[in-house]
PDB file of N, CA and C in Angstrom:
ATOM      1  N   MET A   1       0.632  -1.009  -0.181  1.00  0.00           N
ATOM      2  CA  MET A   1       0.018  -0.059  -0.132  1.00  0.00           C
ATOM      3  C   MET A   1       0.624   1.619  -0.226  1.00  0.00           C
ATOM      4  N   ALA A   2       0.270   2.057  -1.035  1.00  0.00           N
ATOM      5  CA  ALA A   2       1.165   3.346  -0.887  1.00  0.00           C
ATOM      6  C   ALA A   2       0.865   3.972   0.271  1.00  0.00           C
ATOM      7  N   LEU A   3       1.823   5.012   0.459  1.00  0.00           N
ATOM      8  CA  LEU A   3       1.762   5.679   1.397  1.00  0.00           C
ATOM      9  C   LEU A   3       1.067   7.153   0.829  1.00  0.00           C
ATOM     10  N   SER A   4       0.016   8.232   1.511  1.00  0.00           N
ATOM     11  CA  SER A   4      -0.621   9.329   1.357  1.00  0.00           C
ATOM     12  C   SER A   4       1.063  10.563   1.334  1.00  0.00           C
ATOM     13  N   TYR A   5       0.236  11.649   0.528  1.00  0.00           N
ATOM     14  CA  TYR A   5       1.274  12.567   0.735  1.00  0.00           C
ATOM     15  C   TYR A   5       1.554  13.315   2.260  1.00  0.00           C
ATOM     16  N   LYS A   6       0.341  13.231   2.830  1.00  0.00           N
ATOM     17  CA  LYS A   6       0.447  14.058   4.639  1.00  0.00           C
ATOM     18  C   LYS A   6       1.327  12.830   5.313  1.00  0.00           C
ATOM     19  N   SER A   7       1.152  11.435   4.998  1.00  0.00           N
ATOM     20  CA  SER A   7       2.112  10.571   5.766  1.00  0.00           C
ATOM     21  C   SER A   7       3.238  10.545   5.236  1.00  0.00           C
ATOM     22  N   ARG A   8       3.720  10.973   4.103  1.00  0.00           N
ATOM     23  CA  ARG A   8       5.057  10.488   3.451  1.00  0.00           C
ATOM     24  C   ARG A   8       5.372  12.096   4.490  1.00  0.00           C
ATOM     25  N   ARG A   9       4.805  12.682   4.322  1.00  0.00           N
ATOM     26  CA  ARG A   9       5.895  14.545   4.756  1.00  0.00           C
ATOM     27  C   ARG A   9       6.282  14.268   6.446  1.00  0.00           C
ATOM     28  N   ARG A  10       4.881  13.319   7.074  1.00  0.00           N
ATOM     29  CA  ARG A  10       5.186  13.520   8.740  1.00  0.00           C
ATOM     30  C   ARG A  10       6.351  12.132   8.891  1.00  0.00           C
ATOM     31  N   TRP A  11       6.221  11.481   7.890  1.00  0.00           N
ATOM     32  CA  TRP A  11       7.541  10.228   8.129  1.00  0.00           C
ATOM     33  C   TRP A  11       8.924  10.679   7.814  1.00  0.00           C
ATOM     34  N   ALA A  12       8.630  11.913   7.022  1.00  0.00           N
ATOM     35  CA  ALA A  12      10.228  12.494   6.401  1.00  0.00           C
ATOM     36  C   ALA A  12      11.082  13.150   7.531  1.00  0.00           C
ATOM     37  N   LEU A  13       9.406  14.308   8.263  1.00  0.00           N
ATOM     38  CA  LEU A  13      10.215  14.967   9.134  1.00  0.00           C
ATOM     39  C   LEU A  13      10.522  14.318  10.595  1.00  0.00           C
ATOM     40  N   ILE A  14      10.119  13.187  10.760  1.00  0.00           N
ATOM     41  CA  ILE A  14      10.076  12.216  11.667  1.00  0.00           C
ATOM     42  C   ILE A  14      11.667  11.308  11.651  1.00  0.00           C
ATOM     43  N   ILE A  15      12.213  11.275  10.471  1.00  0.00           N
ATOM     44  CA  ILE A  15      13.093  10.573   9.787  1.00  0.00           C
ATOM     45  C   ILE A  15      14.204  11.213   9.925  1.00  0.00           C
ATOM     46  N   LEU A  16      14.289  12.797   9.404  1.00  0.00           N
ATOM     47  CA  LEU A  16      14.915  13.672   9.603  1.00  0.00           C
ATOM     48  C   LEU A  16      15.388  14.411  11.202  1.00  0.00           C
ATOM     49  N   LEU A  17      14.287  14.188  11.949  1.00  0.00           N
ATOM     50  CA  LEU A  17      14.306  15.127  13.181  1.00  0.00           C
ATOM     51  C   LEU A  17      14.851  14.142  14.148  1.00  0.00           C
ATOM     52  N   ILE A  18      14.780  13.113  14.268  1.00  0.00           N
ATOM     53  CA  ILE A  18      14.941  11.611  14.995  1.00  0.00           C
ATOM     54  C   ILE A  18      16.213  10.183  14.574  1.00  0.00           C
ATOM     55  N   GLY A  19      15.624  10.328  13.391  1.00  0.00           N
ATOM     56  CA  GLY A  19      16.581   9.167  12.528  1.00  0.00           C
ATOM     57  C   GLY A  19      17.904   9.787  12.464  1.00  0.00           C
ATOM     58  N   LEU A  20      17.523  10.800  11.692  1.00  0.00           N
ATOM     59  CA  LEU A  20      18.782  11.178  11.246  1.00  0.00           C
ATOM     60  C   LEU A  20      20.590  11.748  12.266  1.00  0.00           C
ATOM     61  N   PRO A  21      19.871  12.522  13.186  1.00  0.00           N
ATOM     62  CA  PRO A  21      20.864  12.771  14.700  1.00  0.00           C
ATOM     63  C   PRO A  21      21.199  11.268  14.746  1.00  0.00           C
ATOM     64  N   VAL A  22      20.364  10.425  15.128  1.00  0.00           N
ATOM     65  CA  VAL A  22      20.569   8.923  15.649  1.00  0.00           C
ATOM     66  C   VAL A  22      21.984   8.485  15.075  1.00  0.00           C
ATOM     67  N   TYR A  23      21.500   8.285  13.622  1.00  0.00           N
ATOM     68  CA  TYR A  23      22.352   8.020  12.429  1.00  0.00           C
ATOM     69  C   TYR A  23      23.354   8.312  12.471  1.00  0.00           C
ATOM     70  N   ILE A  24      24.008   9.770  12.803  1.00  0.00           N
ATOM     71  CA  ILE A  24      24.956  10.755  12.989  1.00  0.00           C
ATOM     72  C   ILE A  24      25.988   9.973  14.097  1.00  0.00           C
ATOM     73  N   VAL A  25      25.063   9.555  14.942  1.00  0.00           N
ATOM     74  CA  VAL A  25      25.871   9.448  16.076  1.00  0.00           C
ATOM     75  C   VAL A  25      26.560   8.426  16.044  1.00  0.00           C
ATOM     76  N   VAL A  26      25.848   7.048  15.454  1.00  0.00           N
ATOM     77  CA  VAL A  26      26.533   5.720  15.285  1.00  0.00           C
ATOM     78  C   VAL A  26      27.353   5.901  14.330  1.00  0.00           C
ATOM     79  N   ALA A  27      27.082   6.647  12.967  1.00  0.00           N
ATOM     80  CA  ALA A  27      28.784   6.755  11.988  1.00  0.00           C
ATOM     81  C   ALA A  27      30.034   7.506  13.161  1.00  0.00           C
ATOM     82  N   VAL A  28      28.961   7.682  13.498  1.00  0.00           N
ATOM     83  CA  VAL A  28      31.025   8.711  14.328  1.00  0.00           C
ATOM     84  C   VAL A  28      30.961   7.379  15.148  1.00  0.00           C
ATOM     85  N   SER A  29      30.704   6.723  16.029  1.00  0.00           N
ATOM     86  CA  SER A  29      30.616   6.119  16.782  1.00  0.00           C
ATOM     87  C   SER A  29      31.722   4.578  16.233  1.00  0.00           C
ATOM     88  N   VAL A  30      31.176   4.652  15.030  1.00  0.00           N
ATOM     89  CA  VAL A  30      32.294   3.678  14.309  1.00  0.00           C
ATOM     90  C   VAL A  30      33.435   4.086  14.120  1.00  0.00           C
ATOM     91  N   VAL A  31      33.227   5.399  12.586  1.00  0.00           N
ATOM     92  CA  VAL A  31      34.503   5.796  12.667  1.00  0.00           C
ATOM     93  C   VAL A  31      35.354   5.597  13.829  1.00  0.00           C
ATOM     94  N   ASN A  32      35.065   6.467  15.357  1.00  0.00           N
ATOM     95  CA  ASN A  32      36.011   6.213  16.090  1.00  0.00           C
ATOM     96  C   ASN A  32      36.215   4.792  16.681  1.00  0.00           C
ATOM     97  N   ALA A  33      35.538   3.926  16.344  1.00  0.00           N
ATOM     98  CA  ALA A  33      35.732   2.901  16.673  1.00  0.00           C
ATOM     99  C   ALA A  33      37.054   1.957  15.682  1.00  0.00           C
ATOM    100  N   LEU A  34      37.100   2.466  14.534  1.00  0.00           N
ATOM    101  CA  LEU A  34      38.393   2.040  13.241  1.00  0.00           C
ATOM    102  C   LEU A  34      39.475   2.697  14.241  1.00  0.00           C
ATOM    103  N   GLU A  35      39.488   3.334  14.985  1.00  0.00           N
ATOM    104  CA  GLU A  35      40.835   3.979  15.474  1.00  0.00           C
ATOM    105  C   GLU A  35      41.696   5.537  14.622  1.00  0.00           C
ATOM    106  N   ARG A  36      40.263   6.131  14.510  1.00  0.00           N
ATOM    107  CA  ARG A  36      41.039   7.349  13.726  1.00  0.00           C
ATOM    108  C   ARG A  36      41.570   6.808  12.265  1.00  0.00           C
ATOM    109  N   PRO A  37      41.077   6.977  11.440  1.00  0.00           N
ATOM    110  CA  PRO A  37      41.514   6.665  10.179  1.00  0.00           C
ATOM    111  C   PRO A  37      42.379   8.322   9.267  1.00  0.00           C
ATOM    112  N   PRO A  38      42.947   8.250   8.451  1.00  0.00           N
ATOM    113  CA  PRO A  38      43.545   8.861   7.874  1.00  0.00           C
ATOM    114  C   PRO A  38      42.696  10.172   7.709  1.00  0.00           C
ATOM    115  N   LEU A  39      42.468  11.531   7.463  1.00  0.00           N
ATOM    116  CA  LEU A  39      41.838  12.408   7.160  1.00  0.00           C
ATOM    117  C   LEU A  39      41.079  11.792   5.856  1.00  0.00           C
ATOM    118  N   TRP A  40      41.768  11.494   5.066  1.00  0.00           N
ATOM    119  CA  TRP A  40      40.988  10.926   3.302  1.00  0.00           C
ATOM    120  C   TRP A  40      39.952   9.934   3.849  1.00  0.00           C
ATOM    121  N   ALA A  41      40.470   8.866   4.553  1.00  0.00           N
ATOM    122  CA  ALA A  41      39.428   8.129   4.801  1.00  0.00           C
ATOM    123  C   ALA A  41      38.498   8.083   5.565  1.00  0.00           C
ATOM    124  N   GLU A  42      39.000   8.640   6.134  1.00  0.00           N
ATOM    125  CA  GLU A  42      37.646   9.215   6.959  1.00  0.00           C
ATOM    126  C   GLU A  42      36.840  10.104   6.943  1.00  0.00           C
ATOM    127  N   LEU A  43      37.218  11.248   5.413  1.00  0.00           N
ATOM    128  CA  LEU A  43      35.848  11.845   4.898  1.00  0.00           C
ATOM    129  C   LEU A  43      35.702  10.887   4.101  1.00  0.00           C
ATOM    130  N   LEU A  44      36.203  10.167   3.129  1.00  0.00           N
ATOM    131  CA  LEU A  44      34.925   9.428   2.273  1.00  0.00           C
ATOM    132  C   LEU A  44      34.373   8.444   3.040  1.00  0.00           C
ATOM    133  N   ILE A  45      34.962   7.843   4.429  1.00  0.00           N
ATOM    134  CA  ILE A  45      33.703   7.524   5.106  1.00  0.00           C
ATOM    135  C   ILE A  45      32.387   7.865   5.340  1.00  0.00           C
ATOM    136  N   TYR A  46      32.527   9.033   5.754  1.00  0.00           N
ATOM    137  CA  TYR A  46      31.323   9.843   5.685  1.00  0.00           C
ATOM    138  C   TYR A  46      30.395  10.047   4.502  1.00  0.00           C
ATOM    139  N   VAL A  47      31.521  10.578   3.691  1.00  0.00           N
ATOM    140  CA  VAL A  47      30.702  10.638   2.377  1.00  0.00           C
ATOM    141  C   VAL A  47      29.539   9.463   2.282  1.00  0.00           C
ATOM    142  N   VAL A  48      30.568   8.050   2.219  1.00  0.00           N
ATOM    143  CA  VAL A  48      29.227   6.942   1.738  1.00  0.00           C
ATOM    144  C   VAL A  48      28.521   6.938   2.583  1.00  0.00           C
ATOM    145  N   LEU A  49      28.785   7.053   4.092  1.00  0.00           N
ATOM    146  CA  LEU A  49      27.397   6.475   5.019  1.00  0.00           C
ATOM    147  C   LEU A  49      26.746   7.910   4.905  1.00  0.00           C
ATOM    148  N   GLY A  50      26.616   8.993   4.372  1.00  0.00           N
ATOM    149  CA  GLY A  50      25.821   9.587   3.959  1.00  0.00           C
ATOM    150  C   GLY A  50      25.107   9.657   2.921  1.00  0.00           C
ATOM    151  N   PHE A  51      25.226   9.000   1.892  1.00  0.00           N
ATOM    152  CA  PHE A  51      24.292   8.467   0.934  1.00  0.00           C
ATOM    153  C   PHE A  51      24.122   7.471   1.533  1.00  0.00           C
ATOM    154  N   VAL A  52      24.464   6.178   1.981  1.00  0.00           N
ATOM    155  CA  VAL A  52      24.061   4.844   2.982  1.00  0.00           C
ATOM    156  C   VAL A  52      22.342   5.256   3.676  1.00  0.00           C
ATOM    157  N   TRP A  53      22.553   6.540   4.238  1.00  0.00           N
ATOM    158  CA  TRP A  53      21.270   6.448   5.167  1.00  0.00           C
ATOM    159  C   TRP A  53      20.205   6.788   4.198  1.00  0.00           C
ATOM    160  N   MET A  54      20.120   7.642   3.176  1.00  0.00           N
ATOM    161  CA  MET A  54      19.022   7.999   2.894  1.00  0.00           C
ATOM    162  C   MET A  54      18.615   6.944   1.615  1.00  0.00           C
ATOM    163  N   MET A  55      19.386   6.240   1.510  1.00  0.00           N
ATOM    164  CA  MET A  55      18.261   5.069   0.441  1.00  0.00           C
ATOM    165  C   MET A  55      17.293   4.408   0.708  1.00  0.00           C
ATOM    166  N   PRO A  56      17.455   3.472   1.683  1.00  0.00           N
ATOM    167  CA  PRO A  56      16.164   2.739   1.898  1.00  0.00           C
ATOM    168  C   PRO A  56      14.620   3.802   2.260  1.00  0.00           C
ATOM    169  N   PHE A  57      15.263   5.460   2.642  1.00  0.00           N
ATOM    170  CA  PHE A  57      13.794   6.372   2.703  1.00  0.00           C
ATOM    171  C   PHE A  57      13.893   7.581   1.410  1.00  0.00           C
ATOM    172  N   LYS A  58      14.045   6.951   0.249  1.00  0.00           N
ATOM    173  CA  LYS A  58      14.119   7.365  -1.133  1.00  0.00           C
ATOM    174  C   LYS A  58      12.910   7.568  -1.402  1.00  0.00           C
ATOM    175  N   PHE A  59      12.027   6.677  -1.424  1.00  0.00           N
ATOM    176  CA  PHE A  59      10.863   6.711  -1.668  1.00  0.00           C
ATOM    177  C   PHE A  59       9.577   7.982  -0.722  1.00  0.00           C
ATOM    178  N   ILE A  60       9.795   7.736   0.701  1.00  0.00           N
ATOM    179  CA  ILE A  60       9.614   8.924   1.399  1.00  0.00           C
ATOM    180  C   ILE A  60      10.114   9.663   0.930  1.00  0.00           C
ATOM    181  N   PHE A  61      11.103  10.664   0.515  1.00  0.00           N
ATOM    182  CA  PHE A  61      11.172  12.007   0.385  1.00  0.00           C
ATOM    183  C   PHE A  61      10.887  12.698  -1.129  1.00  0.00           C
ATOM    184  N   ARG A  62      10.805  11.229  -1.932  1.00  0.00           N
ATOM    185  CA  ARG A  62      10.541  11.873  -3.286  1.00  0.00           C
ATOM    186  C   ARG A  62       9.358  12.899  -3.582  1.00  0.00           C
ATOM    187  N   GLY A  63       8.964  13.724  -4.060  1.00  0.00           N
ATOM    188  CA  GLY A  63       8.528  14.317  -4.151  1.00  0.00           C
ATOM    189  C   GLY A  63       7.782  15.713  -2.508  1.00  0.00           C
ATOM    190  N   ILE A  64       8.176  15.401  -1.876  1.00  0.00           N
ATOM    191  CA  ILE A  64       7.711  16.403  -0.670  1.00  0.00           C
ATOM    192  C   ILE A  64       7.862  18.036  -0.974  1.00  0.00           C
ATOM    193  N   GLY A  65       8.183  17.888  -1.439  1.00  0.00           N
ATOM    194  CA  GLY A  65       8.643  19.753  -1.454  1.00  0.00           C
ATOM    195  C   GLY A  65       8.062  20.230  -2.418  1.00  0.00           C
ATOM    196  N   GLN A  66       6.817  19.539  -3.092  1.00  0.00           N
ATOM    197  CA  GLN A  66       5.788  20.320  -4.738  1.00  0.00           C
ATOM    198  C   GLN A  66       4.568  20.283  -3.517  1.00  0.00           C
ATOM    199  N   ALA A  67       3.937  20.507  -4.167  1.00  0.00           N
ATOM    200  CA  ALA A  67       3.071  21.043  -3.483  1.00  0.00           C
ATOM    201  C   ALA A  67       2.102  20.065  -3.599  1.00  0.00           C
ATOM    202  N   ASP A  68       0.822  19.194  -2.472  1.00  0.00           N
ATOM    203  CA  ASP A  68      -0.001  18.253  -2.359  1.00  0.00           C
ATOM    204  C   ASP A  68      -0.996  17.732  -3.363  1.00  0.00           C
ATOM    205  N   PRO A  69      -0.314  16.648  -4.104  1.00  0.00           N
ATOM    206  CA  PRO A  69      -1.350  16.262  -5.154  1.00  0.00           C
ATOM    207  C   PRO A  69      -3.112  16.056  -5.111  1.00  0.00           C
ATOM    208  N   ASP A  70      -3.225  15.450  -3.563  1.00  0.00           N
ATOM    209  CA  ASP A  70      -4.230  15.599  -3.386  1.00  0.00           C
ATOM    210  C   ASP A  70      -5.360  16.541  -2.629  1.00  0.00           C
ATOM    211  N   ALA A  71      -4.462  17.511  -2.723  1.00  0.00           N
ATOM    212  CA  ALA A  71      -5.507  18.858  -2.527  1.00  0.00           C
ATOM    213  C   ALA A  71      -6.145  19.261  -3.311  1.00  0.00           C
ATOM    214  N   PRO A  72      -7.627  19.724  -3.147  1.00  0.00           N
ATOM    215  CA  PRO A  72      -7.940  20.624  -4.572  1.00  0.00           C
ATOM    216  C   PRO A  72      -7.838  21.613  -5.088  1.00  0.00           C
ATOM    217  N   GLN A  73      -8.001  21.504  -6.167  1.00  0.00           N
ATOM    218  CA  GLN A  73      -7.498  22.879  -6.880  1.00  0.00           C
ATOM    219  C   GLN A  73      -8.304  24.140  -6.611  1.00  0.00           C
ATOM    220  N   ASP A  74      -7.716  25.247  -6.717  1.00  0.00           N
ATOM    221  CA  ASP A  74      -8.469  26.550  -6.603  1.00  0.00           C
ATOM    222  C   ASP A  74      -8.045  27.125  -7.652  1.00  0.00           C
ATOM    223  N   ASP A  75      -9.144  27.700  -8.951  1.00  0.00           N
ATOM    224  CA  ASP A  75      -8.945  28.519  -9.662  1.00  0.00           C
ATOM    225  C   ASP A  75      -9.644  29.672  -9.520  1.00  0.00           C
TER     226      ASP A  75
END
């Protein structure tokens, strides 16, 4: 079942306000557990992890910035 526009907006907000900070803490903890790799490797790890977190949620964020397609049209 596809999510409605309003529910996708709510989930996107929850993901950005709660999920993303938790993911950042986990990513920093993982990099620190690697005993501080060289700067270029650390940057590469953070860039890759930055793209990895959003891949499962791509369908939720798609089209969120546009007008509600289910809203009545005012002419």
